[in-house]
Amino acid sequence: LSGCMVTEEGCGYLSSALSLNPSHLRELDLSYNHPDDSGVKLLSEKLDPKCTLDKL
């Protein structure tokens, strides 16, 4: 999702989608976006402990 204008609000949607639909996603590239620290925190806090995400 590099360069897709993801904001803090977008991180909320992403975290909900990832928690409701566990996947085999290993890496989530949010470079060149504007999630701010609060958006990244929101995303990381809501991830399932069994999540296989290696790199955020």
N, C-alpha and C. Protein backbone atom coordinates (compact mmCIF):
# COMPACT_ATOMS: atom_id res chain seq x y z
N LEU A 1 0.82 -1.20 0.00
CA LEU A 1 0.00 0.00 0.00
C LEU A 1 0.86 1.26 0.00
N SER A 2 2.08 1.11 -0.46
CA SER A 2 2.99 2.25 -0.51
C SER A 2 2.42 3.36 -1.39
N GLY A 3 2.39 4.57 -0.86
CA GLY A 3 1.95 5.72 -1.62
C GLY A 3 0.46 5.81 -1.89
N CYS A 4 -0.35 5.15 -1.06
CA CYS A 4 -1.80 5.14 -1.30
C CYS A 4 -2.57 6.13 -0.42
N MET A 5 -1.84 7.06 0.19
CA MET A 5 -2.46 8.10 1.02
C MET A 5 -3.21 7.53 2.23
N VAL A 6 -2.70 6.46 2.82
CA VAL A 6 -3.31 5.88 4.02
C VAL A 6 -3.07 6.83 5.19
N THR A 7 -4.13 7.17 5.90
CA THR A 7 -4.07 8.06 7.05
C THR A 7 -4.35 7.26 8.32
N GLU A 8 -4.47 7.96 9.44
CA GLU A 8 -4.83 7.30 10.70
C GLU A 8 -6.17 6.58 10.55
N GLU A 9 -7.13 7.22 9.90
CA GLU A 9 -8.43 6.60 9.68
C GLU A 9 -8.28 5.32 8.85
N GLY A 10 -7.46 5.37 7.83
CA GLY A 10 -7.21 4.20 7.00
C GLY A 10 -6.59 3.06 7.79
N CYS A 11 -5.73 3.40 8.74
CA CYS A 11 -5.12 2.37 9.60
C CYS A 11 -6.20 1.68 10.43
N GLY A 12 -7.21 2.43 10.84
CA GLY A 12 -8.33 1.83 11.57
C GLY A 12 -9.06 0.80 10.72
N TYR A 13 -9.31 1.15 9.48
CA TYR A 13 -9.97 0.21 8.56
C TYR A 13 -9.09 -1.01 8.29
N LEU A 14 -7.80 -0.77 8.11
CA LEU A 14 -6.87 -1.88 7.87
C LEU A 14 -6.83 -2.83 9.06
N SER A 15 -6.76 -2.28 10.26
CA SER A 15 -6.69 -3.13 11.45
C SER A 15 -7.96 -3.95 11.61
N SER A 16 -9.11 -3.36 11.32
CA SER A 16 -10.37 -4.11 11.39
C SER A 16 -10.39 -5.22 10.35
N ALA A 17 -9.97 -4.92 9.14
CA ALA A 17 -9.95 -5.93 8.08
C ALA A 17 -9.01 -7.07 8.41
N LEU A 18 -7.84 -6.75 8.94
CA LEU A 18 -6.86 -7.79 9.28
C LEU A 18 -7.32 -8.64 10.45
N SER A 19 -8.04 -8.03 11.41
CA SER A 19 -8.50 -8.81 12.56
C SER A 19 -9.70 -9.69 12.21
N LEU A 20 -10.53 -9.24 11.28
CA LEU A 20 -11.71 -10.01 10.89
C LEU A 20 -11.38 -11.08 9.85
N ASN A 21 -10.34 -10.86 9.08
CA ASN A 21 -9.96 -11.77 8.01
C ASN A 21 -8.48 -12.12 8.12
N PRO A 22 -8.15 -12.98 9.08
CA PRO A 22 -6.73 -13.34 9.22
C PRO A 22 -6.20 -13.89 7.90
N SER A 23 -5.00 -13.47 7.57
CA SER A 23 -4.42 -13.89 6.30
C SER A 23 -2.99 -14.35 6.50
N HIS A 24 -2.37 -14.67 5.41
CA HIS A 24 -0.97 -15.08 5.45
C HIS A 24 -0.08 -13.90 5.06
N LEU A 25 -0.58 -12.71 5.26
CA LEU A 25 0.18 -11.50 4.96
C LEU A 25 1.44 -11.47 5.80
N ARG A 26 2.59 -11.29 5.17
CA ARG A 26 3.87 -11.31 5.88
C ARG A 26 4.47 -9.91 6.01
N GLU A 27 4.09 -9.00 5.11
CA GLU A 27 4.66 -7.66 5.13
C GLU A 27 3.61 -6.65 4.69
N LEU A 28 3.56 -5.53 5.39
CA LEU A 28 2.65 -4.45 5.04
C LEU A 28 3.48 -3.18 4.89
N ASP A 29 3.63 -2.71 3.67
CA ASP A 29 4.45 -1.53 3.37
C ASP A 29 3.56 -0.30 3.34
N LEU A 30 3.72 0.55 4.33
CA LEU A 30 2.95 1.79 4.40
C LEU A 30 3.84 3.01 4.14
N SER A 31 4.95 2.80 3.44
CA SER A 31 5.82 3.93 3.14
C SER A 31 5.10 4.92 2.22
N TYR A 32 5.51 6.17 2.33
CA TYR A 32 4.92 7.26 1.54
C TYR A 32 3.42 7.41 1.78
N ASN A 33 3.01 7.21 3.03
CA ASN A 33 1.64 7.43 3.47
C ASN A 33 1.69 8.40 4.64
N HIS A 34 0.55 8.68 5.23
CA HIS A 34 0.47 9.63 6.33
C HIS A 34 -0.33 9.06 7.50
N PRO A 35 0.11 7.90 8.05
CA PRO A 35 -0.66 7.29 9.13
C PRO A 35 -0.41 7.95 10.48
N ASP A 36 0.64 8.74 10.61
CA ASP A 36 1.06 9.32 11.88
C ASP A 36 1.32 8.21 12.90
N ASP A 37 1.93 8.57 14.00
CA ASP A 37 2.25 7.58 15.04
C ASP A 37 0.99 6.93 15.59
N SER A 38 -0.07 7.71 15.74
CA SER A 38 -1.30 7.17 16.31
C SER A 38 -1.93 6.12 15.39
N GLY A 39 -1.82 6.29 14.10
CA GLY A 39 -2.35 5.31 13.16
C GLY A 39 -1.58 4.00 13.19
N VAL A 40 -0.26 4.11 13.26
CA VAL A 40 0.57 2.91 13.33
C VAL A 40 0.33 2.19 14.66
N LYS A 41 0.18 2.95 15.73
CA LYS A 41 -0.10 2.36 17.04
C LYS A 41 -1.44 1.64 17.01
N LEU A 42 -2.44 2.27 16.44
CA LEU A 42 -3.76 1.66 16.32
C LEU A 42 -3.68 0.36 15.55
N LEU A 43 -2.98 0.37 14.47
CA LEU A 43 -2.83 -0.82 13.63
C LEU A 43 -2.11 -1.94 14.38
N SER A 44 -1.03 -1.63 15.04
CA SER A 44 -0.25 -2.66 15.72
C SER A 44 -0.98 -3.21 16.95
N GLU A 45 -1.75 -2.39 17.64
CA GLU A 45 -2.47 -2.84 18.83
C GLU A 45 -3.60 -3.81 18.49
N LYS A 46 -4.22 -3.64 17.35
CA LYS A 46 -5.37 -4.46 16.99
C LYS A 46 -5.01 -5.74 16.24
N LEU A 47 -3.75 -5.91 15.90
CA LEU A 47 -3.36 -7.12 15.19
C LEU A 47 -3.52 -8.34 16.09
N ASP A 48 -4.02 -9.39 15.53
CA ASP A 48 -4.18 -10.65 16.24
C ASP A 48 -2.81 -11.15 16.68
N PRO A 49 -2.69 -11.65 17.91
CA PRO A 49 -1.40 -12.17 18.37
C PRO A 49 -0.86 -13.30 17.49
N LYS A 50 -1.74 -13.98 16.79
CA LYS A 50 -1.33 -15.08 15.91
C LYS A 50 -0.98 -14.58 14.51
N CYS A 51 -1.03 -13.29 14.32
CA CYS A 51 -0.75 -12.69 13.02
C CYS A 51 0.67 -13.05 12.56
N THR A 52 0.80 -13.35 11.29
CA THR A 52 2.10 -13.74 10.74
C THR A 52 2.85 -12.56 10.13
N LEU A 53 2.40 -11.35 10.40
CA LEU A 53 3.04 -10.16 9.84
C LEU A 53 4.44 -10.02 10.43
N ASP A 54 5.45 -10.06 9.57
CA ASP A 54 6.85 -9.97 10.00
C ASP A 54 7.37 -8.54 9.93
N LYS A 55 6.83 -7.75 9.01
CA LYS A 55 7.36 -6.42 8.78
C LYS A 55 6.23 -5.43 8.54
N LEU A 56 6.23 -4.36 9.34
CA LEU A 56 5.23 -3.31 9.20
C LEU A 56 5.96 -2.03 8.90
